[in-house]
N, C-alpha and C. Protein backbone atom coordinates (compact mmCIF):
# COMPACT_ATOMS: atom_id res chain seq x y z
N MET A 1 1.05 -1.11 0.29
CA MET A 1 -0.05 0.08 -0.33
C MET A 1 0.79 1.20 0.18
N ALA A 2 0.67 2.10 -0.83
CA ALA A 2 1.30 3.49 -0.79
C ALA A 2 0.73 4.60 -1.03
N SER A 3 0.99 5.90 -0.76
CA SER A 3 -0.01 7.02 -1.15
C SER A 3 0.97 8.12 -1.68
N PRO A 4 0.36 8.50 -2.91
CA PRO A 4 0.94 9.72 -3.91
C PRO A 4 0.93 11.01 -3.02
N ARG A 5 0.12 11.08 -2.24
CA ARG A 5 0.62 12.38 -1.43
C ARG A 5 0.61 12.61 -0.47
N PRO A 6 0.70 13.61 0.88
CA PRO A 6 0.66 13.45 2.05
C PRO A 6 -0.88 12.71 2.50
N THR A 7 -0.94 12.12 3.82
CA THR A 7 -2.20 11.73 4.21
C THR A 7 -2.60 12.75 5.58
N PRO A 8 -3.53 12.82 6.04
CA PRO A 8 -3.83 13.77 6.98
C PRO A 8 -2.92 13.47 8.25
N PHE A 9 -2.49 12.46 8.44
CA PHE A 9 -1.48 11.65 9.33
C PHE A 9 -0.14 12.38 9.27
N ASP A 10 0.47 12.71 7.61
CA ASP A 10 1.57 13.44 7.63
C ASP A 10 1.20 14.93 7.82
N PHE A 11 0.10 15.36 7.42
CA PHE A 11 -0.36 16.61 7.39
C PHE A 11 -0.43 17.34 8.69
N VAL A 12 -1.01 16.48 9.75
CA VAL A 12 -1.42 17.04 11.15
C VAL A 12 0.27 16.71 12.10
N PHE A 13 0.36 15.47 12.31
CA PHE A 13 1.13 14.88 13.03
C PHE A 13 3.10 14.97 12.64
N GLY A 14 3.39 14.47 11.51
CA GLY A 14 4.40 14.80 11.31
C GLY A 14 5.26 13.89 12.53
N ALA A 15 6.68 14.53 12.44
CA ALA A 15 7.37 13.81 13.08
C ALA A 15 6.74 14.00 15.31
N LEU A 16 5.87 14.60 15.27
CA LEU A 16 5.24 14.31 16.45
C LEU A 16 4.73 12.78 17.38
N ALA A 17 4.23 12.38 15.82
CA ALA A 17 3.95 10.85 16.33
C ALA A 17 4.86 10.03 16.54
N ALA A 18 6.14 9.87 16.00
CA ALA A 18 7.56 9.13 16.70
C ALA A 18 7.72 9.88 17.73
N GLU A 19 7.51 11.26 18.37
CA GLU A 19 8.06 11.75 19.29
C GLU A 19 6.95 10.94 20.52
N ARG A 20 6.26 11.11 20.51
CA ARG A 20 4.61 11.07 21.56
C ARG A 20 3.90 9.76 21.44
N PHE A 21 3.83 9.06 20.23
CA PHE A 21 3.27 8.00 20.43
C PHE A 21 3.57 6.40 20.90
N PRO A 22 4.84 6.55 20.85
CA PRO A 22 5.65 5.21 21.96
C PRO A 22 5.00 5.26 23.55
N ALA A 23 4.97 6.61 24.29
CA ALA A 23 4.63 6.42 24.88
C ALA A 23 3.08 6.43 25.32
N VAL A 24 2.27 6.39 24.22
CA VAL A 24 0.82 6.11 24.44
C VAL A 24 1.25 4.16 24.34
N GLN A 25 1.70 3.76 23.32
CA GLN A 25 1.81 2.62 23.35
C GLN A 25 2.05 2.00 24.70
N ALA A 26 3.24 2.36 25.35
CA ALA A 26 3.82 1.74 26.42
C ALA A 26 2.43 1.78 27.30
N ALA A 27 1.80 2.96 27.32
CA ALA A 27 0.78 2.70 28.43
C ALA A 27 -0.30 1.81 28.21
N PHE A 28 -0.65 1.57 26.92
CA PHE A 28 -1.58 0.37 26.58
C PHE A 28 -1.13 -0.68 27.25
N GLU A 29 0.44 -0.85 26.92
CA GLU A 29 0.82 -2.40 26.92
C GLU A 29 0.82 -2.54 28.55
N SER A 30 0.93 -1.82 29.14
CA SER A 30 1.05 -1.95 30.68
C SER A 30 -0.29 -1.97 31.34
N SER A 31 -1.50 -1.55 30.69
CA SER A 31 -2.91 -1.33 31.16
C SER A 31 -3.38 -2.87 31.09
N GLY A 32 -3.11 -2.91 29.90
CA GLY A 32 -4.03 -4.56 28.95
C GLY A 32 -5.14 -4.12 28.01
N ALA A 33 -5.49 -2.91 28.45
CA ALA A 33 -6.55 -2.09 27.24
C ALA A 33 -6.27 -2.39 25.69
N ALA A 34 -7.48 -2.78 25.37
CA ALA A 34 -7.17 -3.27 23.64
C ALA A 34 -7.39 -1.77 23.09
N PRO A 35 -6.35 -1.66 21.98
CA PRO A 35 -6.05 -0.36 21.10
C PRO A 35 -7.14 0.23 20.80
N ARG A 36 -8.27 -0.51 20.38
CA ARG A 36 -9.47 0.20 19.42
C ARG A 36 -10.70 0.52 20.74
N ASP A 37 -10.06 0.70 22.16
CA ASP A 37 -10.96 0.84 23.11
C ASP A 37 -10.66 2.45 23.01
N ARG A 38 -11.42 2.80 22.94
CA ARG A 38 -11.41 4.70 22.94
C ARG A 38 -11.67 5.11 24.20
N ASP A 39 -12.40 4.63 24.90
CA ASP A 39 -12.78 5.00 26.24
C ASP A 39 -11.67 4.88 27.22
N ALA A 40 -10.79 3.80 26.65
CA ALA A 40 -9.12 3.30 27.71
C ALA A 40 -8.57 4.60 27.10
N PHE A 41 -8.31 4.83 25.75
CA PHE A 41 -7.35 5.56 25.27
C PHE A 41 -7.81 6.65 25.58
N LEU A 42 -9.00 7.50 25.76
CA LEU A 42 -8.97 9.00 26.64
C LEU A 42 -8.61 9.22 28.00
N MET A 43 -8.77 8.12 28.49
CA MET A 43 -8.35 8.15 30.02
C MET A 43 -7.02 8.18 30.07
N THR A 44 -6.26 7.83 29.35
CA THR A 44 -4.64 7.63 29.23
C THR A 44 -4.26 8.99 29.24
N ARG A 45 -3.05 9.06 30.42
CA ARG A 45 -2.57 10.34 30.96
C ARG A 45 -1.58 11.14 29.99
N GLU A 46 -0.83 10.26 29.05
CA GLU A 46 -0.34 10.74 27.61
C GLU A 46 -1.26 11.20 26.85
N VAL A 47 -2.40 10.44 26.28
CA VAL A 47 -3.33 11.24 25.54
C VAL A 47 -3.80 12.40 26.07
N ILE A 48 -4.53 12.72 27.11
CA ILE A 48 -5.12 13.37 27.78
C ILE A 48 -4.20 14.90 27.49
N GLN A 49 -2.69 14.76 27.82
CA GLN A 49 -1.89 15.60 27.70
C GLN A 49 -1.51 16.37 26.08
N LEU A 50 -1.71 15.37 25.39
CA LEU A 50 -1.61 15.47 23.84
C LEU A 50 -3.16 16.49 23.40
N ILE A 51 -3.95 16.24 23.96
CA ILE A 51 -5.35 16.75 23.72
C ILE A 51 -5.13 17.90 23.67
N HIS A 52 -4.46 18.20 25.33
CA HIS A 52 -4.72 19.65 25.93
C HIS A 52 -3.71 20.70 25.00
N GLU A 53 -2.51 19.75 24.10
CA GLU A 53 -1.72 20.43 23.40
C GLU A 53 -2.20 20.98 22.06
N LEU A 54 -3.18 20.06 21.43
CA LEU A 54 -3.53 20.57 19.90
C LEU A 54 -4.81 20.87 20.26
N ARG A 55 -5.55 21.11 20.96
CA ARG A 55 -7.05 21.15 20.95
C ARG A 55 -6.84 23.06 20.86
N PRO A 56 -7.52 23.59 20.05
CA PRO A 56 -7.67 24.89 19.81
C PRO A 56 -8.07 25.71 21.34
N ASP A 57 -7.61 26.91 21.30
CA ASP A 57 -7.75 27.73 21.99
C ASP A 57 -9.31 28.13 22.50
N ASP A 58 -10.23 28.14 21.31
CA ASP A 58 -11.43 28.32 21.70
C ASP A 58 -12.38 27.18 21.24
N GLY A 59 -11.51 25.60 21.24
CA GLY A 59 -12.30 24.98 20.73
C GLY A 59 -13.57 24.70 21.46
N SER A 60 -14.69 24.00 20.86
CA SER A 60 -16.07 23.49 21.58
C SER A 60 -16.07 22.66 21.65
N GLY A 61 -17.33 21.90 22.36
CA GLY A 61 -17.46 20.45 22.46
C GLY A 61 -17.42 19.67 21.01
N GLY A 62 -17.90 20.11 20.18
CA GLY A 62 -17.45 19.21 19.17
C GLY A 62 -16.84 19.15 18.34
N GLU A 63 -15.65 20.37 18.35
CA GLU A 63 -14.07 20.24 17.74
C GLU A 63 -12.98 19.56 18.85
N ILE A 64 -13.53 19.22 20.02
CA ILE A 64 -12.84 18.54 20.77
C ILE A 64 -13.27 17.16 20.62
N GLU A 65 -14.19 16.84 20.18
CA GLU A 65 -14.91 15.32 19.95
C GLU A 65 -14.27 14.87 18.72
N GLU A 66 -14.20 15.84 17.53
CA GLU A 66 -13.48 15.71 16.26
C GLU A 66 -11.94 15.44 16.78
N LEU A 67 -11.40 16.10 17.30
CA LEU A 67 -9.85 15.75 17.60
C LEU A 67 -9.77 15.03 18.51
N THR A 68 -10.11 13.94 19.21
CA THR A 68 -10.12 12.97 19.82
C THR A 68 -10.13 11.54 19.10
N ALA A 69 -11.14 11.98 18.34
CA ALA A 69 -11.52 10.56 16.95
C ALA A 69 -10.32 10.74 16.29
N PHE A 70 -9.87 11.95 15.10
CA PHE A 70 -8.82 11.68 14.76
C PHE A 70 -7.24 11.39 15.52
N LEU A 71 -7.50 11.67 16.30
CA LEU A 71 -5.80 11.66 17.56
C LEU A 71 -6.38 9.64 17.55
N HIS A 72 -7.60 9.54 17.68
CA HIS A 72 -7.45 7.58 18.31
C HIS A 72 -7.10 6.96 16.75
N HIS A 73 -8.07 7.61 15.73
CA HIS A 73 -7.52 7.01 14.29
C HIS A 73 -5.89 6.85 13.65
N ALA A 74 -5.47 7.99 14.17
CA ALA A 74 -3.91 8.61 13.53
C ALA A 74 -2.90 7.60 14.54
N TRP A 75 -3.40 7.47 15.90
CA TRP A 75 -2.33 6.32 16.84
C TRP A 75 -2.70 4.88 16.33
N LEU A 76 -4.08 4.89 15.84
CA LEU A 76 -4.34 3.24 15.21
C LEU A 76 -3.29 3.06 14.28
N PHE A 77 -3.47 4.02 13.01
CA PHE A 77 -2.46 3.70 11.48
C PHE A 77 -1.31 3.57 12.15
N TRP A 78 -0.80 4.72 13.42
CA TRP A 78 1.20 4.57 13.52
C TRP A 78 1.36 2.77 14.02
N LEU A 79 0.21 2.70 14.71
CA LEU A 79 0.49 1.18 15.37
C LEU A 79 0.37 0.49 14.08
N ALA A 80 -0.18 0.58 13.31
CA ALA A 80 -0.63 -0.33 12.09
C ALA A 80 0.89 -0.79 11.03
N GLY A 81 1.54 0.38 10.95
CA GLY A 81 2.38 0.70 10.38
C GLY A 81 2.42 2.00 9.07
N THR A 82 1.25 2.69 9.50
CA THR A 82 0.96 3.82 8.33
C THR A 82 0.58 3.22 6.84
N PRO A 83 -0.24 2.25 6.78
CA PRO A 83 -0.60 1.62 5.58
C PRO A 83 -1.53 2.41 5.04
N ALA A 84 -1.59 3.12 3.61
CA ALA A 84 -2.49 3.88 2.77
C ALA A 84 -2.61 3.03 2.00
N LEU A 85 -3.75 3.18 1.46
CA LEU A 85 -4.27 2.82 -0.51
C LEU A 85 -4.70 4.05 -0.90
N ALA A 86 -3.71 4.46 -2.25
CA ALA A 86 -4.40 5.41 -3.05
C ALA A 86 -5.29 4.83 -4.16
N ILE A 87 -6.53 5.18 -4.23
CA ILE A 87 -7.05 4.42 -5.38
C ILE A 87 -7.44 5.37 -6.46
N GLU A 88 -6.68 4.77 -7.43
CA GLU A 88 -6.45 5.22 -8.92
C GLU A 88 -7.68 6.05 -9.23
N PRO A 89 -8.32 6.90 -10.33
CA PRO A 89 -9.22 7.22 -10.63
C PRO A 89 -10.13 6.52 -11.33
N SER A 90 -9.69 5.39 -12.27
CA SER A 90 -10.84 4.48 -12.74
C SER A 90 -11.21 3.65 -11.78
N ALA A 91 -10.49 2.93 -10.45
CA ALA A 91 -10.82 2.09 -9.36
C ALA A 91 -11.75 2.91 -8.66
N PHE A 92 -11.73 4.23 -8.36
CA PHE A 92 -12.61 5.02 -7.85
C PHE A 92 -14.12 5.13 -8.48
N ASP A 93 -14.06 5.66 -9.76
CA ASP A 93 -14.74 5.50 -10.28
C ASP A 93 -15.81 4.42 -10.52
N GLU A 94 -15.38 3.27 -10.50
CA GLU A 94 -16.22 2.30 -10.39
C GLU A 94 -16.72 1.59 -8.97
N LEU A 95 -15.58 2.14 -7.71
CA LEU A 95 -16.14 2.07 -6.59
C LEU A 95 -17.51 2.62 -6.19
N LEU A 96 -17.50 4.09 -6.59
CA LEU A 96 -18.69 4.89 -6.99
C LEU A 96 -19.68 4.07 -7.29
N ARG A 97 -20.11 3.56 -8.67
CA ARG A 97 -20.79 2.63 -9.98
C ARG A 97 -21.52 1.40 -8.93
N THR A 98 -20.53 0.63 -8.49
CA THR A 98 -21.11 -0.77 -8.19
C THR A 98 -21.19 -0.70 -6.92
N PRO A 99 -21.73 -1.42 -6.25
CA PRO A 99 -21.83 -2.09 -5.03
C PRO A 99 -20.46 -3.08 -4.50
N GLY A 100 -20.43 -3.83 -5.47
CA GLY A 100 -19.04 -4.52 -5.39
C GLY A 100 -19.20 -5.83 -4.18
N ALA A 101 -18.78 -6.61 -4.00
CA ALA A 101 -18.82 -7.65 -3.02
C ALA A 101 -19.21 -7.28 -1.58
N ARG A 102 -20.38 -8.14 -0.81
CA ARG A 102 -20.45 -8.00 0.26
C ARG A 102 -19.43 -7.79 1.27
N THR A 103 -18.43 -9.55 1.28
CA THR A 103 -17.65 -9.64 1.98
C THR A 103 -16.14 -10.02 1.01
N ALA A 104 -15.51 -10.36 1.81
CA ALA A 104 -13.79 -10.27 1.47
C ALA A 104 -13.28 -11.31 2.11
N ALA A 105 -12.58 -12.09 1.25
CA ALA A 105 -11.83 -13.50 2.53
C ALA A 105 -10.80 -12.63 3.06
N ALA A 106 -9.90 -12.22 2.50
CA ALA A 106 -8.83 -11.34 2.78
C ALA A 106 -9.08 -10.32 3.93
N ALA A 107 -7.88 -10.07 4.51
CA ALA A 107 -8.45 -8.55 5.53
C ALA A 107 -7.10 -7.75 5.39
N PRO A 108 -7.66 -6.42 5.49
CA PRO A 108 -6.73 -5.34 4.90
C PRO A 108 -6.12 -5.52 6.31
N PRO A 109 -5.14 -4.44 6.64
CA PRO A 109 -4.43 -3.77 7.83
C PRO A 109 -5.60 -3.43 8.94
N PRO A 110 -5.32 -3.61 10.24
CA PRO A 110 -6.25 -3.31 11.02
C PRO A 110 -7.22 -1.75 10.99
N GLU A 111 -5.81 -1.04 10.74
CA GLU A 111 -6.57 0.37 10.54
C GLU A 111 -5.69 0.69 9.48
N PHE A 112 -5.72 1.36 8.29
CA PHE A 112 -5.45 1.95 7.28
C PHE A 112 -6.32 2.83 6.37
N TYR A 113 -5.44 4.06 5.60
CA TYR A 113 -6.06 5.03 5.49
C TYR A 113 -6.03 4.66 3.77
N VAL A 114 -7.38 5.19 3.36
CA VAL A 114 -7.36 5.22 1.76
C VAL A 114 -7.93 6.56 1.04
N GLN A 115 -6.97 6.83 0.13
CA GLN A 115 -6.89 8.13 -0.36
C GLN A 115 -7.64 7.68 -1.58
N PHE A 116 -8.73 8.98 -2.10
CA PHE A 116 -9.31 9.46 -3.21
C PHE A 116 -8.66 10.12 -4.14
N PRO A 117 -8.87 9.97 -5.44
CA PRO A 117 -8.28 11.16 -6.46
C PRO A 117 -8.67 12.29 -6.07
N GLU A 118 -7.45 13.15 -6.04
CA GLU A 118 -7.66 14.64 -5.66
C GLU A 118 -9.00 15.55 -5.95
N ARG A 119 -9.42 15.99 -4.96
CA ARG A 119 -11.06 16.82 -5.36
C ARG A 119 -11.72 16.25 -6.13
N ARG A 120 -12.37 15.00 -6.23
CA ARG A 120 -13.21 14.24 -6.96
C ARG A 120 -14.70 14.14 -6.01
N LEU A 121 -14.49 13.88 -5.00
CA LEU A 121 -15.27 13.98 -3.98
C LEU A 121 -15.51 14.96 -2.85
N TRP A 122 -16.82 15.13 -2.83
CA TRP A 122 -17.39 16.71 -1.98
C TRP A 122 -18.14 16.54 -0.96
N ALA A 123 -18.06 16.86 0.06
CA ALA A 123 -19.20 16.82 1.33
C ALA A 123 -19.29 17.90 2.14
N GLU A 124 -20.21 18.49 2.55
CA GLU A 124 -20.62 19.02 3.76
C GLU A 124 -20.34 18.27 5.03
N ILE A 125 -19.66 19.17 5.57
CA ILE A 125 -19.20 18.97 7.33
C ILE A 125 -20.20 19.25 8.03
N ALA A 126 -20.86 19.86 7.91
CA ALA A 126 -22.41 20.20 8.41
C ALA A 126 -23.53 20.51 7.52
N PRO A 127 -24.89 20.21 7.72
CA PRO A 127 -26.04 20.51 6.58
C PRO A 127 -25.69 21.88 6.56
N GLY A 128 -25.92 22.51 5.29
CA GLY A 128 -26.00 23.88 5.28
C GLY A 128 -24.32 24.54 4.95
N SER A 129 -23.61 23.90 5.35
CA SER A 129 -22.08 24.42 4.79
C SER A 129 -21.51 24.34 3.84
N ALA A 130 -20.81 25.17 3.44
CA ALA A 130 -20.02 24.97 2.09
C ALA A 130 -18.74 23.40 1.69
N PRO A 131 -19.55 22.81 0.82
CA PRO A 131 -18.69 21.73 0.49
C PRO A 131 -17.26 22.04 0.22
N GLU A 132 -16.64 20.72 1.25
CA GLU A 132 -15.18 20.30 1.08
C GLU A 132 -14.75 19.41 0.29
N PRO A 133 -13.46 19.13 -0.26
CA PRO A 133 -12.94 17.92 -0.63
C PRO A 133 -12.63 16.97 0.26
N VAL A 134 -13.00 15.66 -0.01
CA VAL A 134 -12.63 14.81 0.68
C VAL A 134 -11.38 13.95 0.45
N ASP A 135 -10.38 14.06 1.28
CA ASP A 135 -9.25 13.78 0.70
C ASP A 135 -8.93 12.17 0.83
N GLY A 136 -9.70 11.61 1.66
CA GLY A 136 -9.72 9.94 2.15
C GLY A 136 -10.48 9.65 3.26
N CYS A 137 -10.25 8.47 3.86
CA CYS A 137 -10.84 8.03 5.07
C CYS A 137 -9.67 6.95 5.85
N PHE A 138 -9.60 7.19 6.97
CA PHE A 138 -9.31 6.30 8.06
C PHE A 138 -10.17 5.06 8.27
N LEU A 139 -9.77 3.80 8.05
CA LEU A 139 -10.86 2.67 7.80
C LEU A 139 -10.21 1.82 9.00
N GLY A 140 -11.17 1.42 10.08
CA GLY A 140 -11.12 0.37 11.04
C GLY A 140 -12.07 -0.81 11.29
N ARG A 141 -11.93 -2.10 11.58
CA ARG A 141 -13.06 -3.15 11.68
C ARG A 141 -12.73 -3.31 13.52
N GLU A 142 -14.36 -3.12 13.57
CA GLU A 142 -14.26 -2.99 15.53
C GLU A 142 -14.70 -4.41 15.62
N PRO A 143 -14.49 -4.89 16.92
CA PRO A 143 -14.75 -6.05 17.53
C PRO A 143 -15.89 -6.83 16.93
N ASP A 144 -16.64 -6.04 17.03
CA ASP A 144 -18.47 -6.68 16.89
C ASP A 144 -18.71 -6.84 15.50
N GLY A 145 -17.83 -6.54 14.52
CA GLY A 145 -17.93 -6.43 13.04
C GLY A 145 -18.38 -5.20 12.46
N SER A 146 -18.22 -4.18 12.86
CA SER A 146 -19.21 -3.00 12.33
C SER A 146 -17.47 -2.18 11.99
N LEU A 147 -17.92 -1.29 10.78
CA LEU A 147 -17.00 -0.26 10.53
C LEU A 147 -16.95 0.83 11.14
N THR A 148 -15.39 1.55 11.56
CA THR A 148 -15.72 2.75 11.72
C THR A 148 -14.65 3.51 10.64
N VAL A 149 -15.22 4.40 10.42
CA VAL A 149 -14.58 5.47 9.29
C VAL A 149 -14.53 6.89 9.38
N LEU A 150 -13.58 7.41 9.38
CA LEU A 150 -13.28 8.82 9.55
C LEU A 150 -12.57 9.52 8.39
N ALA A 151 -13.80 10.37 7.75
CA ALA A 151 -13.19 11.26 6.56
C ALA A 151 -12.35 12.20 7.47
N ALA A 152 -11.71 12.31 5.98
CA ALA A 152 -10.69 14.05 6.29
C ALA A 152 -11.07 14.42 4.98
N LEU A 153 -11.29 16.02 5.35
CA LEU A 153 -11.95 16.90 4.11
C LEU A 153 -11.52 18.32 4.28
N GLY A 154 -11.00 19.18 3.22
CA GLY A 154 -10.67 20.58 3.49
C GLY A 154 -9.09 20.65 3.76
N MET A 155 -8.33 19.64 3.38
CA MET A 155 -6.94 19.84 3.46
C MET A 155 -6.20 20.65 1.89
N ARG A 156 -5.62 21.78 3.15
CA ARG A 156 -5.09 22.49 2.36
C ARG A 156 -3.80 23.36 2.67
N PRO A 157 -2.86 23.63 1.54
CA PRO A 157 -1.56 23.98 2.53
C PRO A 157 -1.90 25.45 3.17
N ASP A 158 -2.82 26.20 3.18
CA ASP A 158 -3.07 27.02 3.51
C ASP A 158 -3.82 27.21 5.02
N ARG A 159 -4.16 26.17 5.31
CA ARG A 159 -4.91 25.48 6.23
C ARG A 159 -4.14 25.10 7.52
N PRO A 160 -3.97 25.29 8.62
CA PRO A 160 -3.62 24.67 9.53
C PRO A 160 -4.37 23.53 10.15
N GLY A 161 -5.39 23.03 9.96
CA GLY A 161 -5.84 22.14 10.06
C GLY A 161 -6.70 21.41 9.02
N LEU A 162 -7.88 20.75 9.13
CA LEU A 162 -8.61 19.94 8.48
C LEU A 162 -9.86 19.66 9.28
N SER A 163 -11.12 19.24 8.48
CA SER A 163 -12.47 18.74 8.92
C SER A 163 -12.18 17.48 9.02
N VAL A 164 -13.19 16.71 9.99
CA VAL A 164 -13.43 15.26 9.87
C VAL A 164 -14.85 14.62 10.72
N SER A 165 -15.00 13.36 10.00
CA SER A 165 -16.30 13.55 10.11
C SER A 165 -16.43 12.06 10.06
N GLU A 166 -16.81 11.51 11.41
CA GLU A 166 -16.96 9.78 11.66
C GLU A 166 -18.22 9.20 11.84
N VAL A 167 -18.30 8.05 10.95
CA VAL A 167 -19.19 7.02 11.47
C VAL A 167 -18.91 5.91 11.67
N ARG A 168 -19.90 5.11 11.91
CA ARG A 168 -19.57 3.83 12.30
C ARG A 168 -20.87 2.90 12.25
N GLY A 169 -20.99 1.52 11.58
CA GLY A 169 -22.22 0.66 11.34
C GLY A 169 -21.79 -0.63 10.80
N LEU A 170 -22.53 -1.52 10.79
CA LEU A 170 -22.51 -2.57 9.99
C LEU A 170 -23.01 -1.83 8.36
N ARG A 171 -22.82 -2.90 7.19
CA ARG A 171 -23.32 -2.40 6.10
C ARG A 171 -24.82 -2.60 5.59
N THR A 172 -25.09 -1.70 5.03
CA THR A 172 -26.70 -1.40 4.79
C THR A 172 -26.90 -2.14 3.46
N ALA A 173 -28.13 -3.27 3.63
CA ALA A 173 -27.92 -4.15 2.58
C ALA A 173 -28.79 -3.29 1.06
N ALA A 174 -29.69 -2.20 1.07
CA ALA A 174 -30.10 -1.64 0.61
C ALA A 174 -30.25 0.08 0.39
N LEU A 175 -28.79 0.69 0.19
CA LEU A 175 -29.18 1.91 0.69
C LEU A 175 -29.11 2.99 -0.72
N ALA A 176 -30.46 3.85 -0.71
CA ALA A 176 -30.97 4.74 -1.69
C ALA A 176 -31.08 6.02 -1.34
N ARG A 177 -30.79 6.80 -1.92
CA ARG A 177 -30.97 8.50 -1.47
C ARG A 177 -32.87 8.56 -1.77
N VAL A 178 -33.34 9.21 -0.77
CA VAL A 178 -34.52 9.68 -0.86
C VAL A 178 -35.26 10.29 -2.08
N ASP A 179 -34.23 11.22 -2.98
CA ASP A 179 -34.98 11.51 -4.17
C ASP A 179 -34.40 10.67 -5.18
N GLY A 180 -34.12 9.20 -4.98
CA GLY A 180 -34.05 8.59 -6.10
C GLY A 180 -32.38 8.92 -7.04
N SER A 181 -31.82 9.48 -6.94
CA SER A 181 -30.69 9.87 -7.63
C SER A 181 -29.52 8.84 -7.08
N PRO A 182 -28.49 8.49 -8.11
CA PRO A 182 -27.53 7.39 -7.73
C PRO A 182 -26.82 8.18 -6.34
N LEU A 183 -26.21 7.17 -5.92
CA LEU A 183 -25.45 7.12 -4.51
C LEU A 183 -24.24 7.93 -4.92
N PHE A 184 -23.85 8.78 -4.38
CA PHE A 184 -22.86 9.52 -4.41
C PHE A 184 -22.36 10.17 -5.94
N SER A 185 -23.87 10.47 -6.18
CA SER A 185 -23.94 11.65 -7.33
C SER A 185 -23.63 13.01 -6.89
N ALA A 186 -23.27 13.91 -7.72
CA ALA A 186 -22.50 15.30 -7.60
C ALA A 186 -23.78 16.03 -6.92
N LEU A 187 -23.62 17.10 -5.76
CA LEU A 187 -24.76 17.62 -5.34
C LEU A 187 -24.56 18.91 -5.76
N MET A 188 -23.05 19.82 -6.07
CA MET A 188 -22.89 21.15 -6.65
C MET A 188 -23.41 21.11 -7.53
N PRO A 189 -24.13 22.30 -8.15
CA PRO A 189 -24.44 22.79 -9.48
C PRO A 189 -23.25 22.78 -10.18
N GLY A 190 -23.37 21.91 -11.24
CA GLY A 190 -22.17 21.66 -12.30
C GLY A 190 -21.26 20.82 -11.92
N GLY A 191 -21.56 20.09 -10.92
CA GLY A 191 -20.52 19.10 -10.65
C GLY A 191 -20.52 17.57 -11.27
N SER A 192 -21.90 17.44 -11.78
CA SER A 192 -21.51 16.11 -12.91
C SER A 192 -21.31 16.12 -14.02
N PRO A 193 -21.30 17.41 -14.78
CA PRO A 193 -20.16 17.44 -16.20
C PRO A 193 -18.86 17.76 -15.74
N ALA A 194 -18.82 17.87 -14.24
CA ALA A 194 -17.14 18.16 -13.74
C ALA A 194 -16.16 16.80 -13.62
N GLY A 195 -17.10 15.90 -13.77
CA GLY A 195 -16.90 14.77 -13.21
C GLY A 195 -16.49 14.28 -11.42
N LEU A 196 -17.44 15.17 -10.85
CA LEU A 196 -17.47 15.19 -9.17
C LEU A 196 -18.65 14.16 -8.70
N ALA A 197 -18.17 13.89 -7.82
CA ALA A 197 -18.95 13.25 -6.76
C ALA A 197 -19.32 13.41 -5.60
N SER A 198 -20.47 13.71 -4.56
CA SER A 198 -20.64 14.18 -3.47
C SER A 198 -21.28 13.04 -2.42
N LEU A 199 -21.12 13.35 -1.40
CA LEU A 199 -21.72 12.10 -0.27
C LEU A 199 -22.96 13.06 0.18
N ALA A 200 -23.90 12.21 0.56
CA ALA A 200 -24.99 13.23 0.94
C ALA A 200 -25.33 12.57 2.38
N GLY A 201 -24.66 12.63 3.28
CA GLY A 201 -24.78 12.28 4.99
C GLY A 201 -23.89 11.08 5.08
N GLY A 202 -23.97 10.57 6.67
CA GLY A 202 -23.29 9.30 7.03
C GLY A 202 -23.40 8.45 6.50
N GLU A 203 -24.53 8.10 6.13
CA GLU A 203 -24.69 6.37 5.57
C GLU A 203 -23.76 6.44 3.99
N GLU A 204 -23.99 7.57 3.52
CA GLU A 204 -23.15 7.10 1.99
C GLU A 204 -21.75 7.12 2.45
N LEU A 205 -21.11 7.51 3.61
CA LEU A 205 -19.74 7.68 3.99
C LEU A 205 -19.82 6.56 4.28
N LEU A 206 -20.73 6.38 4.95
CA LEU A 206 -20.14 4.55 5.72
C LEU A 206 -20.46 3.46 4.44
N GLU A 207 -20.96 3.38 3.72
CA GLU A 207 -21.45 2.70 3.01
C GLU A 207 -19.91 2.68 1.83
N LEU A 208 -19.50 3.99 1.44
CA LEU A 208 -18.09 4.28 0.78
C LEU A 208 -16.94 3.28 1.38
N GLY A 209 -16.94 3.73 2.93
CA GLY A 209 -15.92 3.44 3.49
C GLY A 209 -16.13 1.32 3.52
N TRP A 210 -17.34 1.09 3.41
CA TRP A 210 -17.09 -0.58 3.34
C TRP A 210 -16.87 -0.93 1.54
N ARG A 211 -16.90 -0.01 1.14
CA ARG A 211 -16.42 -0.65 -0.80
C ARG A 211 -15.19 -0.40 -0.41
N ALA A 212 -14.64 0.50 0.23
CA ALA A 212 -13.14 0.70 0.17
C ALA A 212 -12.16 -0.56 0.90
N TRP A 213 -12.76 -0.72 2.32
CA TRP A 213 -12.50 -1.43 2.84
C TRP A 213 -12.16 -3.04 2.26
N ILE A 214 -13.90 -3.33 1.33
CA ILE A 214 -13.47 -4.84 0.68
C ILE A 214 -12.77 -4.66 -0.49
N LEU A 215 -12.55 -3.36 -0.99
CA LEU A 215 -11.09 -3.27 -2.34
C LEU A 215 -9.77 -3.53 -1.69
N ALA A 216 -9.40 -3.04 -0.58
CA ALA A 216 -8.37 -3.11 -0.15
C ALA A 216 -7.95 -4.41 0.55
N ALA A 217 -9.17 -4.81 1.22
CA ALA A 217 -8.95 -6.66 1.46
C ALA A 217 -8.48 -7.57 0.36
N GLU A 218 -9.37 -7.34 -0.85
CA GLU A 218 -9.15 -7.99 -2.17
C GLU A 218 -7.69 -7.73 -2.91
N ARG A 219 -7.18 -6.46 -2.30
CA ARG A 219 -6.19 -6.57 -2.93
C ARG A 219 -4.88 -6.80 -1.67
N SER A 220 -5.28 -6.86 -0.73
CA SER A 220 -3.98 -7.53 0.44
C SER A 220 -3.88 -8.99 -0.09
N GLY A 221 -5.19 -10.05 -0.35
CA GLY A 221 -4.91 -11.09 -0.92
C GLY A 221 -4.46 -11.26 -2.07
N ASP A 222 -4.03 -10.33 -2.96
CA ASP A 222 -3.27 -10.25 -4.21
C ASP A 222 -1.90 -11.19 -4.40
């Protein structure tokens, strides 16, 4: 697995992960907690210190929740060896068009990042907000079989941070938009002729995450 562009992990954490994440790992190993246990993660002293340092001075409760979710995924990504899968444009188009397999025999890394073609997929971080480009998603399978998906949006060189949106769940058998338009079809004016796609809410993000997870599983078995 490889990524042609910096991932959100590179963009935000850089050398900080090498400096700070080993101490978090040591704390978990001594406590016996499972790495995907977010409650245990957020109760770790080293994690609390990191959140205090990284939180915006005027951060709201929602922003802190997004930060903690991103930090947890970043740490799991680091534990897994920072595996990233860049989906080429043709494969991305196919991913959006067809549901593909419901399951896969092989398994991808326990946490990985899937990167979409640049500025092809757009989403609103909140209803009524300006659409932002989705760089990709962190994906992790939970012990109960559900998938956790954390999308990274709005990465720009002139912006100090980024937006994130997290969903978790099992795969829905027959997801459809209320208006009957195809899943992932463009919602922005002029988007379809430009070859753009959109996420219409968390259910579509989760479905896209499942499709990407299965694609990564299939490629892991090659």
